[in-house]
Amino acid sequence: MFAIKKRYIFLFLILLFIILMQFEMPQTYRPIKGLLGNILNPFIYLADNTVDFFTSTFDKYINLINVKEENKKLKNELDKLNFENIKLREKLKELDRLKKLLNFKEAFEFNTIACNVIGRNNYGLIKYIIIDRGSNDGLDVDMPVISSKGLVGKVVELYRHSAKVKIVLDRSLKVAVMNFNTRETGVVSGTDYGLLEVNFYSNIGKVNIGDLFITSGFGMLYPKGLPVGVVVKYENEDYGLFKKVYLKPIVDFNKLENVLVILKNEKIQNN
C-alpha cells in the first residue's frame, strides 16, 4: 500500500515538473508538437540546458587556462625586460666610472693600465684588494694604484693574471702626504677603525677640519698631488713635537670596482 502511494507521489511530481517546465521553457522552443511534445519537450530543454552549462563551463575553463598561460608568458617577458634593464643600467654605471678614471688619468697625464677589482679585504689585519691584471699585463711590485677619486695603494704581490694591492687603510702602508692648504707634511697610515692617521705632522703646523691631504711626492713612489683624505679630527699635544691628524679616506673602498695602475716607466713629476 505504501509502495503504491510512493509511486503516485513520484508520478505527481513528474507531472508537476512537466507543467512547471512548460511555463519556464521559451515558447519558441518546441521541437516536438502535440501531447507528446508537451511531455518530452521539457526533458529535451533540460538536457540542452545541461549540455550548454557544461559546454560553457568547459569553455571558461579552457579560456582561464589560456589566460594563465598568457600571463605566464607576459611575466617571463617582463622579467627578461627587467633583467635587460638592470644590465643596461649597470653598463651605464660602468661607463660612467671608466669615464671618470679616464678624466683623472688625463688630468695627471699618467701612463696607466685599467683593472677591475675582483676581491677585497677591507676589515682584516692586512687590508687589500685583488685586481684582474698581473705580470702578463706588464704590472710589477710597488706600482701605485689609483681610482677616479685618488690614491688606493700599491701592488705588493704579483701573479700572471692578477695582483694583490695593499690599500692605504692598512697600518703597514706608509705614504708621504701634505696638507693641500698649508703644505705642511706628514706620513699617513691606516687604523683599525676605518680612518687614516697622519704622523709626524708638526705641532705648530696649522690644520682645520675639512682640509684635504694629498701625496707629497717624497720617496718618489707615489706621484705628487693624489688626493688621500679629508681631515675629520686632530689632537694637539702640549709638549710634543707632532700632532695627530685623522683623515676620512677620499676613496670609498667598499664600493671600489675599477682602478688604474701607474706603470713603472712613468716619470713621477714632483714639482
C-alpha atoms as a PDB file:
ATOM      1  CA  MET A   1       0.000   0.000   0.000  1.00  0.00           C
ATOM      2  CA  PHE A   2       2.827   2.375   0.923  1.00  0.00           C
ATOM      3  CA  ALA A   3       4.743   1.459  -2.261  1.00  0.00           C
ATOM      4  CA  ILE A   4       1.679   2.355  -4.364  1.00  0.00           C
ATOM      5  CA  LYS A   5       1.407   5.738  -2.647  1.00  0.00           C
ATOM      6  CA  LYS A   6       5.080   6.426  -3.320  1.00  0.00           C
ATOM      7  CA  ARG A   7       4.553   5.593  -6.977  1.00  0.00           C
ATOM      8  CA  TYR A   8       1.630   8.028  -7.209  1.00  0.00           C
ATOM      9  CA  ILE A   9       3.596  10.708  -5.448  1.00  0.00           C
ATOM     10  CA  PHE A  10       6.504  10.175  -7.849  1.00  0.00           C
ATOM     11  CA  LEU A  11       4.187  10.375 -10.894  1.00  0.00           C
ATOM     12  CA  PHE A  12       2.585  13.519  -9.449  1.00  0.00           C
ATOM     13  CA  LEU A  13       5.986  15.140  -9.026  1.00  0.00           C
ATOM     14  CA  ILE A  14       6.935  14.283 -12.601  1.00  0.00           C
ATOM     15  CA  LEU A  15       3.682  15.739 -13.867  1.00  0.00           C
ATOM     16  CA  LEU A  16       4.205  18.868 -11.755  1.00  0.00           C
ATOM     17  CA  PHE A  17       7.723  19.170 -13.103  1.00  0.00           C
ATOM     18  CA  ILE A  18       6.452  18.915 -16.697  1.00  0.00           C
ATOM     19  CA  ILE A  19       3.809  21.592 -16.038  1.00  0.00           C
ATOM     20  CA  LEU A  20       6.325  23.944 -14.406  1.00  0.00           C
ATOM     21  CA  MET A  21       8.778  23.442 -17.217  1.00  0.00           C
ATOM     22  CA  GLN A  22       6.093  24.371 -19.698  1.00  0.00           C
ATOM     23  CA  PHE A  23       5.991  27.839 -18.102  1.00  0.00           C
ATOM     24  CA  GLU A  24       9.784  28.068 -17.802  1.00  0.00           C
ATOM     25  CA  MET A  25      10.510  26.898 -21.339  1.00  0.00           C
ATOM     26  CA  PRO A  26      10.508  29.583 -24.064  1.00  0.00           C
ATOM     27  CA  GLN A  27       7.515  29.426 -26.391  1.00  0.00           C
ATOM     28  CA  THR A  28       9.806  29.246 -29.406  1.00  0.00           C
ATOM     29  CA  TYR A  29      11.457  26.092 -28.083  1.00  0.00           C
ATOM     30  CA  ARG A  30       9.003  23.380 -29.273  1.00  0.00           C
ATOM     31  CA  PRO A  31      10.925  20.718 -31.219  1.00  0.00           C
ATOM     32  CA  ILE A  32       8.077  18.184 -30.823  1.00  0.00           C
ATOM     33  CA  LYS A  33       4.459  19.174 -31.327  1.00  0.00           C
ATOM     34  CA  GLY A  34       1.308  17.879 -29.721  1.00  0.00           C
ATOM     35  CA  LEU A  35       0.714  15.975 -26.487  1.00  0.00           C
ATOM     36  CA  LEU A  36       3.935  14.009 -26.841  1.00  0.00           C
ATOM     37  CA  GLY A  37       5.798  17.278 -27.247  1.00  0.00           C
ATOM     38  CA  ASN A  38       4.244  18.600 -24.042  1.00  0.00           C
ATOM     39  CA  ILE A  39       5.721  15.608 -22.254  1.00  0.00           C
ATOM     40  CA  LEU A  40       9.131  15.319 -23.950  1.00  0.00           C
ATOM     41  CA  ASN A  41       9.979  18.942 -24.738  1.00  0.00           C
ATOM     42  CA  PRO A  42      10.717  19.876 -21.083  1.00  0.00           C
ATOM     43  CA  PHE A  43      13.191  16.987 -20.796  1.00  0.00           C
ATOM     44  CA  ILE A  44      14.818  17.923 -24.099  1.00  0.00           C
ATOM     45  CA  TYR A  45      15.016  21.560 -22.940  1.00  0.00           C
ATOM     46  CA  LEU A  46      16.559  20.470 -19.622  1.00  0.00           C
ATOM     47  CA  ALA A  47      19.055  18.229 -21.406  1.00  0.00           C
ATOM     48  CA  ASP A  48      20.024  21.048 -23.787  1.00  0.00           C
ATOM     49  CA  ASN A  49      20.475  23.483 -20.890  1.00  0.00           C
ATOM     50  CA  THR A  50      22.581  20.938 -19.043  1.00  0.00           C
ATOM     51  CA  VAL A  51      24.793  20.397 -22.097  1.00  0.00           C
ATOM     52  CA  ASP A  52      25.033  24.173 -22.607  1.00  0.00           C
ATOM     53  CA  PHE A  53      26.010  24.639 -18.964  1.00  0.00           C
ATOM     54  CA  PHE A  54      28.817  22.074 -19.092  1.00  0.00           C
ATOM     55  CA  THR A  55      29.958  23.323 -22.503  1.00  0.00           C
ATOM     56  CA  SER A  56      30.068  26.910 -21.242  1.00  0.00           C
ATOM     57  CA  THR A  57      31.879  25.822 -18.073  1.00  0.00           C
ATOM     58  CA  PHE A  58      34.432  23.869 -20.105  1.00  0.00           C
ATOM     59  CA  ASP A  59      34.967  26.833 -22.453  1.00  0.00           C
ATOM     60  CA  LYS A  60      35.507  29.139 -19.475  1.00  0.00           C
ATOM     61  CA  TYR A  61      37.970  26.647 -18.008  1.00  0.00           C
ATOM     62  CA  ILE A  62      39.906  26.497 -21.312  1.00  0.00           C
ATOM     63  CA  ASN A  63      39.868  30.312 -21.529  1.00  0.00           C
ATOM     64  CA  LEU A  64      41.119  30.529 -17.945  1.00  0.00           C
ATOM     65  CA  ILE A  65      43.995  28.163 -18.762  1.00  0.00           C
ATOM     66  CA  ASN A  66      44.819  30.230 -21.847  1.00  0.00           C
ATOM     67  CA  VAL A  67      44.756  33.436 -19.798  1.00  0.00           C
ATOM     68  CA  LYS A  68      47.063  31.865 -17.205  1.00  0.00           C
ATOM     69  CA  GLU A  69      49.451  30.746 -19.921  1.00  0.00           C
ATOM     70  CA  GLU A  70      49.366  34.205 -21.494  1.00  0.00           C
ATOM     71  CA  ASN A  71      50.001  35.829 -18.101  1.00  0.00           C
ATOM     72  CA  LYS A  72      52.906  33.447 -17.541  1.00  0.00           C
ATOM     73  CA  LYS A  73      54.415  34.385 -20.919  1.00  0.00           C
ATOM     74  CA  LEU A  74      53.922  38.106 -20.205  1.00  0.00           C
ATOM     75  CA  LYS A  75      55.545  37.710 -16.785  1.00  0.00           C
ATOM     76  CA  ASN A  76      58.524  35.914 -18.336  1.00  0.00           C
ATOM     77  CA  GLU A  77      58.862  38.685 -20.923  1.00  0.00           C
ATOM     78  CA  LEU A  78      58.608  41.326 -18.186  1.00  0.00           C
ATOM     79  CA  ASP A  79      61.281  39.534 -16.142  1.00  0.00           C
ATOM     80  CA  LYS A  80      63.547  39.440 -19.203  1.00  0.00           C
ATOM     81  CA  LEU A  81      62.982  43.146 -19.824  1.00  0.00           C
ATOM     82  CA  ASN A  82      63.723  43.939 -16.158  1.00  0.00           C
ATOM     83  CA  PHE A  83      66.887  41.854 -16.349  1.00  0.00           C
ATOM     84  CA  GLU A  84      67.994  43.601 -19.548  1.00  0.00           C
ATOM     85  CA  ASN A  85      67.197  46.967 -17.957  1.00  0.00           C
ATOM     86  CA  ILE A  86      69.352  46.134 -14.934  1.00  0.00           C
ATOM     87  CA  LYS A  87      72.215  45.038 -17.212  1.00  0.00           C
ATOM     88  CA  LEU A  88      71.895  48.236 -19.242  1.00  0.00           C
ATOM     89  CA  ARG A  89      71.903  50.404 -16.115  1.00  0.00           C
ATOM     90  CA  GLU A  90      74.977  48.557 -14.841  1.00  0.00           C
ATOM     91  CA  LYS A  91      76.723  49.125 -18.173  1.00  0.00           C
ATOM     92  CA  LEU A  92      75.916  52.842 -17.962  1.00  0.00           C
ATOM     93  CA  LYS A  93      77.325  52.989 -14.429  1.00  0.00           C
ATOM     94  CA  GLU A  94      80.450  51.173 -15.584  1.00  0.00           C
ATOM     95  CA  LEU A  95      80.868  53.602 -18.480  1.00  0.00           C
ATOM     96  CA  ASP A  96      80.482  56.495 -16.043  1.00  0.00           C
ATOM     97  CA  ARG A  97      83.151  55.024 -13.738  1.00  0.00           C
ATOM     98  CA  LEU A  98      85.514  54.425 -16.656  1.00  0.00           C
ATOM     99  CA  LYS A  99      84.913  57.965 -17.924  1.00  0.00           C
ATOM    100  CA  LYS A 100      85.862  59.348 -14.506  1.00  0.00           C
ATOM    101  CA  LEU A 101      89.004  57.181 -14.486  1.00  0.00           C
ATOM    102  CA  LEU A 102      89.907  58.444 -17.952  1.00  0.00           C
ATOM    103  CA  ASN A 103      89.378  62.067 -16.894  1.00  0.00           C
ATOM    104  CA  PHE A 104      91.551  61.504 -13.803  1.00  0.00           C
ATOM    105  CA  LYS A 105      94.243  59.871 -15.908  1.00  0.00           C
ATOM    106  CA  GLU A 106      94.225  62.718 -18.437  1.00  0.00           C
ATOM    107  CA  ALA A 107      94.357  65.337 -15.667  1.00  0.00           C
ATOM    108  CA  PHE A 108      97.594  63.832 -14.284  1.00  0.00           C
ATOM    109  CA  GLU A 109      98.981  62.523 -17.600  1.00  0.00           C
ATOM    110  CA  PHE A 110      99.775  59.089 -16.165  1.00  0.00           C
ATOM    111  CA  ASN A 111     100.810  56.038 -18.158  1.00  0.00           C
ATOM    112  CA  THR A 112      98.369  53.550 -16.676  1.00  0.00           C
ATOM    113  CA  ILE A 113      96.559  50.275 -17.181  1.00  0.00           C
ATOM    114  CA  ALA A 114      92.891  49.858 -16.193  1.00  0.00           C
ATOM    115  CA  CYS A 115      91.856  46.985 -13.901  1.00  0.00           C
ATOM    116  CA  ASN A 116      88.736  45.569 -12.307  1.00  0.00           C
ATOM    117  CA  VAL A 117      88.561  44.816  -8.589  1.00  0.00           C
ATOM    118  CA  ILE A 118      87.778  41.088  -8.218  1.00  0.00           C
ATOM    119  CA  GLY A 119      88.331  40.677  -4.474  1.00  0.00           C
ATOM    120  CA  ARG A 120      88.760  42.709  -1.318  1.00  0.00           C
ATOM    121  CA  ASN A 121      89.511  42.570   2.399  1.00  0.00           C
ATOM    122  CA  ASN A 122      88.912  45.968   3.993  1.00  0.00           C
ATOM    123  CA  TYR A 123      88.493  44.833   7.595  1.00  0.00           C
ATOM    124  CA  GLY A 124      91.183  42.247   8.303  1.00  0.00           C
ATOM    125  CA  LEU A 125      94.611  42.696   9.832  1.00  0.00           C
ATOM    126  CA  ILE A 126      96.001  43.009   6.306  1.00  0.00           C
ATOM    127  CA  LYS A 127      93.821  45.201   4.118  1.00  0.00           C
ATOM    128  CA  TYR A 128      93.993  44.709   0.370  1.00  0.00           C
ATOM    129  CA  ILE A 129      92.146  44.347  -2.923  1.00  0.00           C
ATOM    130  CA  ILE A 130      92.685  41.864  -5.766  1.00  0.00           C
ATOM    131  CA  ILE A 131      92.751  43.145  -9.347  1.00  0.00           C
ATOM    132  CA  ASP A 132      92.372  41.251 -12.624  1.00  0.00           C
ATOM    133  CA  ARG A 133      95.721  42.220 -14.186  1.00  0.00           C
ATOM    134  CA  GLY A 134      99.131  40.738 -13.437  1.00  0.00           C
ATOM    135  CA  SER A 135     102.691  40.205 -14.653  1.00  0.00           C
ATOM    136  CA  ASN A 136     101.484  39.175 -18.120  1.00  0.00           C
ATOM    137  CA  ASP A 137      99.954  42.643 -18.451  1.00  0.00           C
ATOM    138  CA  GLY A 138     103.163  44.479 -17.528  1.00  0.00           C
ATOM    139  CA  LEU A 139     102.438  45.033 -13.812  1.00  0.00           C
ATOM    140  CA  ASP A 140     105.202  44.975 -11.225  1.00  0.00           C
ATOM    141  CA  VAL A 141     105.522  45.147  -7.438  1.00  0.00           C
ATOM    142  CA  ASP A 142     105.377  48.650  -5.862  1.00  0.00           C
ATOM    143  CA  MET A 143     103.408  50.166  -8.718  1.00  0.00           C
ATOM    144  CA  PRO A 144     100.987  52.819  -7.354  1.00  0.00           C
ATOM    145  CA  VAL A 145      97.254  52.151  -7.738  1.00  0.00           C
ATOM    146  CA  ILE A 146      94.667  54.925  -8.020  1.00  0.00           C
ATOM    147  CA  SER A 147      90.961  55.378  -8.620  1.00  0.00           C
ATOM    148  CA  SER A 148      88.981  58.259 -10.079  1.00  0.00           C
ATOM    149  CA  LYS A 149      88.885  59.727  -6.553  1.00  0.00           C
ATOM    150  CA  GLY A 150      92.509  59.410  -5.514  1.00  0.00           C
ATOM    151  CA  LEU A 151      95.134  57.087  -4.041  1.00  0.00           C
ATOM    152  CA  VAL A 152      94.230  53.434  -3.465  1.00  0.00           C
ATOM    153  CA  GLY A 153      97.561  51.816  -2.553  1.00  0.00           C
ATOM    154  CA  LYS A 154     100.356  49.867  -4.233  1.00  0.00           C
ATOM    155  CA  VAL A 155     100.928  46.431  -5.773  1.00  0.00           C
ATOM    156  CA  VAL A 156     102.516  44.062  -3.241  1.00  0.00           C
ATOM    157  CA  GLU A 157     102.044  40.593  -4.751  1.00  0.00           C
ATOM    158  CA  LEU A 158     102.079  39.652  -8.398  1.00  0.00           C
ATOM    159  CA  TYR A 159     100.657  36.722 -10.356  1.00  0.00           C
ATOM    160  CA  ARG A 160     100.358  36.128 -14.074  1.00  0.00           C
ATOM    161  CA  HIS A 161      96.757  37.306 -14.422  1.00  0.00           C
ATOM    162  CA  SER A 162      96.072  39.063 -11.119  1.00  0.00           C
ATOM    163  CA  ALA A 163      97.719  41.068  -8.367  1.00  0.00           C
ATOM    164  CA  LYS A 164      97.250  41.959  -4.709  1.00  0.00           C
ATOM    165  CA  VAL A 165      97.149  45.657  -3.849  1.00  0.00           C
ATOM    166  CA  LYS A 166      97.773  46.807  -0.288  1.00  0.00           C
ATOM    167  CA  ILE A 167      95.449  49.738   0.337  1.00  0.00           C
ATOM    168  CA  VAL A 168      96.043  52.894   2.374  1.00  0.00           C
ATOM    169  CA  LEU A 169      93.719  51.584   5.114  1.00  0.00           C
ATOM    170  CA  ASP A 170      96.444  49.069   6.054  1.00  0.00           C
ATOM    171  CA  ARG A 171      98.584  50.060   9.053  1.00  0.00           C
ATOM    172  CA  SER A 172     101.784  48.844   7.412  1.00  0.00           C
ATOM    173  CA  LEU A 173     101.424  51.039   4.317  1.00  0.00           C
ATOM    174  CA  LYS A 174     103.142  54.399   4.831  1.00  0.00           C
ATOM    175  CA  VAL A 175     102.530  57.261   2.417  1.00  0.00           C
ATOM    176  CA  ALA A 176     104.155  60.705   2.477  1.00  0.00           C
ATOM    177  CA  VAL A 177     101.414  63.347   2.394  1.00  0.00           C
ATOM    178  CA  MET A 178     100.923  67.086   2.711  1.00  0.00           C
ATOM    179  CA  ASN A 179      98.124  69.452   3.668  1.00  0.00           C
ATOM    180  CA  PHE A 180      96.870  70.925   0.403  1.00  0.00           C
ATOM    181  CA  ASN A 181      96.167  74.297   2.052  1.00  0.00           C
ATOM    182  CA  THR A 182      99.164  74.748   4.371  1.00  0.00           C
ATOM    183  CA  ARG A 183     101.719  72.498   2.582  1.00  0.00           C
ATOM    184  CA  GLU A 184     102.642  71.012   5.963  1.00  0.00           C
ATOM    185  CA  THR A 185     103.820  67.412   5.513  1.00  0.00           C
ATOM    186  CA  GLY A 186     103.414  64.132   7.372  1.00  0.00           C
ATOM    187  CA  VAL A 187     103.186  60.377   6.892  1.00  0.00           C
ATOM    188  CA  VAL A 188      99.800  58.657   6.668  1.00  0.00           C
ATOM    189  CA  SER A 189      98.873  55.071   7.517  1.00  0.00           C
ATOM    190  CA  GLY A 190      95.723  53.114   8.257  1.00  0.00           C
ATOM    191  CA  THR A 191      93.953  52.482  11.556  1.00  0.00           C
ATOM    192  CA  ASP A 192      91.716  49.727  12.910  1.00  0.00           C
ATOM    193  CA  TYR A 193      88.573  51.879  12.715  1.00  0.00           C
ATOM    194  CA  GLY A 194      88.457  52.975   9.075  1.00  0.00           C
ATOM    195  CA  LEU A 195      90.251  56.332   9.350  1.00  0.00           C
ATOM    196  CA  LEU A 196      93.737  57.332   8.242  1.00  0.00           C
ATOM    197  CA  GLU A 197      96.259  58.656  10.759  1.00  0.00           C
ATOM    198  CA  VAL A 198      98.812  61.330   9.852  1.00  0.00           C
ATOM    199  CA  ASN A 199     102.004  61.095  11.905  1.00  0.00           C
ATOM    200  CA  PHE A 200     104.973  63.476  12.058  1.00  0.00           C
ATOM    201  CA  TYR A 201     102.726  66.468  11.405  1.00  0.00           C
ATOM    202  CA  SER A 202     104.337  69.468  13.115  1.00  0.00           C
ATOM    203  CA  ASN A 203     102.645  70.556  16.310  1.00  0.00           C
ATOM    204  CA  ILE A 204     102.966  74.167  15.191  1.00  0.00           C
ATOM    205  CA  GLY A 205     101.568  73.401  11.752  1.00  0.00           C
ATOM    206  CA  LYS A 206      98.043  74.652  11.053  1.00  0.00           C
ATOM    207  CA  VAL A 207      95.234  72.248  10.276  1.00  0.00           C
ATOM    208  CA  ASN A 208      91.450  72.585  10.040  1.00  0.00           C
ATOM    209  CA  ILE A 209      88.534  70.198   9.791  1.00  0.00           C
ATOM    210  CA  GLY A 210      87.849  69.590   6.109  1.00  0.00           C
ATOM    211  CA  ASP A 211      91.434  70.179   4.928  1.00  0.00           C
ATOM    212  CA  LEU A 212      92.450  67.939   2.021  1.00  0.00           C
ATOM    213  CA  PHE A 213      95.641  65.879   2.263  1.00  0.00           C
ATOM    214  CA  ILE A 214      97.428  64.831  -0.932  1.00  0.00           C
ATOM    215  CA  THR A 215     100.523  62.794  -1.727  1.00  0.00           C
ATOM    216  CA  SER A 216     103.665  64.909  -1.293  1.00  0.00           C
ATOM    217  CA  GLY A 217     105.811  63.005  -3.787  1.00  0.00           C
ATOM    218  CA  PHE A 218     108.534  62.381  -1.175  1.00  0.00           C
ATOM    219  CA  GLY A 219     110.149  58.975  -1.664  1.00  0.00           C
ATOM    220  CA  MET A 220     109.412  59.022  -5.430  1.00  0.00           C
ATOM    221  CA  LEU A 221     106.976  56.083  -5.166  1.00  0.00           C
ATOM    222  CA  TYR A 222     103.669  57.937  -5.411  1.00  0.00           C
ATOM    223  CA  PRO A 223     103.147  60.866  -7.800  1.00  0.00           C
ATOM    224  CA  LYS A 224     102.632  64.215  -6.125  1.00  0.00           C
ATOM    225  CA  GLY A 225      99.126  65.608  -5.829  1.00  0.00           C
ATOM    226  CA  LEU A 226      96.988  62.460  -5.481  1.00  0.00           C
ATOM    227  CA  PRO A 227      94.055  63.051  -3.083  1.00  0.00           C
ATOM    228  CA  VAL A 228      94.316  60.841   0.010  1.00  0.00           C
ATOM    229  CA  GLY A 229      91.818  62.009   2.638  1.00  0.00           C
ATOM    230  CA  VAL A 230      89.982  64.834   4.370  1.00  0.00           C
ATOM    231  CA  VAL A 231      90.567  65.922   7.984  1.00  0.00           C
ATOM    232  CA  VAL A 232      87.805  64.840  10.384  1.00  0.00           C
ATOM    233  CA  LYS A 233      89.650  65.487  13.676  1.00  0.00           C
ATOM    234  CA  TYR A 234      93.072  66.299  15.113  1.00  0.00           C
ATOM    235  CA  GLU A 235      94.778  66.203  18.517  1.00  0.00           C
ATOM    236  CA  ASN A 236      97.197  68.871  19.710  1.00  0.00           C
ATOM    237  CA  GLU A 237      99.909  67.804  22.137  1.00  0.00           C
ATOM    238  CA  ASP A 238     101.064  70.318  24.742  1.00  0.00           C
ATOM    239  CA  TYR A 239     104.644  69.119  24.998  1.00  0.00           C
ATOM    240  CA  GLY A 240     105.216  67.009  21.873  1.00  0.00           C
ATOM    241  CA  LEU A 241     106.784  67.893  18.548  1.00  0.00           C
ATOM    242  CA  PHE A 242     103.927  66.480  16.480  1.00  0.00           C
ATOM    243  CA  LYS A 243     100.146  66.414  16.470  1.00  0.00           C
ATOM    244  CA  LYS A 244      97.879  63.584  15.369  1.00  0.00           C
ATOM    245  CA  VAL A 245      95.632  64.277  12.402  1.00  0.00           C
ATOM    246  CA  TYR A 246      92.878  61.879  11.333  1.00  0.00           C
ATOM    247  CA  LEU A 247      91.512  61.669   7.800  1.00  0.00           C
ATOM    248  CA  LYS A 248      88.486  60.144   6.188  1.00  0.00           C
ATOM    249  CA  PRO A 249      89.784  58.289   3.077  1.00  0.00           C
ATOM    250  CA  ILE A 250      88.904  60.001  -0.172  1.00  0.00           C
ATOM    251  CA  VAL A 251      88.242  56.566  -1.732  1.00  0.00           C
ATOM    252  CA  ASP A 252      85.222  54.502  -0.688  1.00  0.00           C
ATOM    253  CA  PHE A 253      86.869  51.073  -0.577  1.00  0.00           C
ATOM    254  CA  ASN A 254      83.573  49.260  -0.023  1.00  0.00           C
ATOM    255  CA  LYS A 255      82.335  50.469  -3.425  1.00  0.00           C
ATOM    256  CA  LEU A 256      85.617  50.353  -5.327  1.00  0.00           C
ATOM    257  CA  GLU A 257      85.184  48.497  -8.652  1.00  0.00           C
ATOM    258  CA  ASN A 258      87.690  49.940 -11.131  1.00  0.00           C
ATOM    259  CA  VAL A 259      91.263  51.166 -10.627  1.00  0.00           C
ATOM    260  CA  LEU A 260      94.292  52.322 -12.599  1.00  0.00           C
ATOM    261  CA  VAL A 261      97.809  51.019 -12.049  1.00  0.00           C
ATOM    262  CA  ILE A 262     100.536  53.591 -12.748  1.00  0.00           C
ATOM    263  CA  LEU A 263     103.220  51.819 -14.751  1.00  0.00           C
ATOM    264  CA  LYS A 264     106.826  51.975 -13.552  1.00  0.00           C
ATOM    265  CA  ASN A 265     108.178  53.601 -16.677  1.00  0.00           C
ATOM    266  CA  GLU A 266     106.050  56.653 -15.814  1.00  0.00           C
ATOM    267  CA  LYS A 267     108.167  59.601 -14.758  1.00  0.00           C
ATOM    268  CA  ILE A 268     106.810  60.828 -11.457  1.00  0.00           C
ATOM    269  CA  GLN A 269     106.541  64.591 -11.500  1.00  0.00           C
ATOM    270  CA  ASN A 270     107.096  66.061  -8.041  1.00  0.00           C
ATOM    271  CA  ASN A 271     107.387  69.726  -8.945  1.00  0.00           C
END
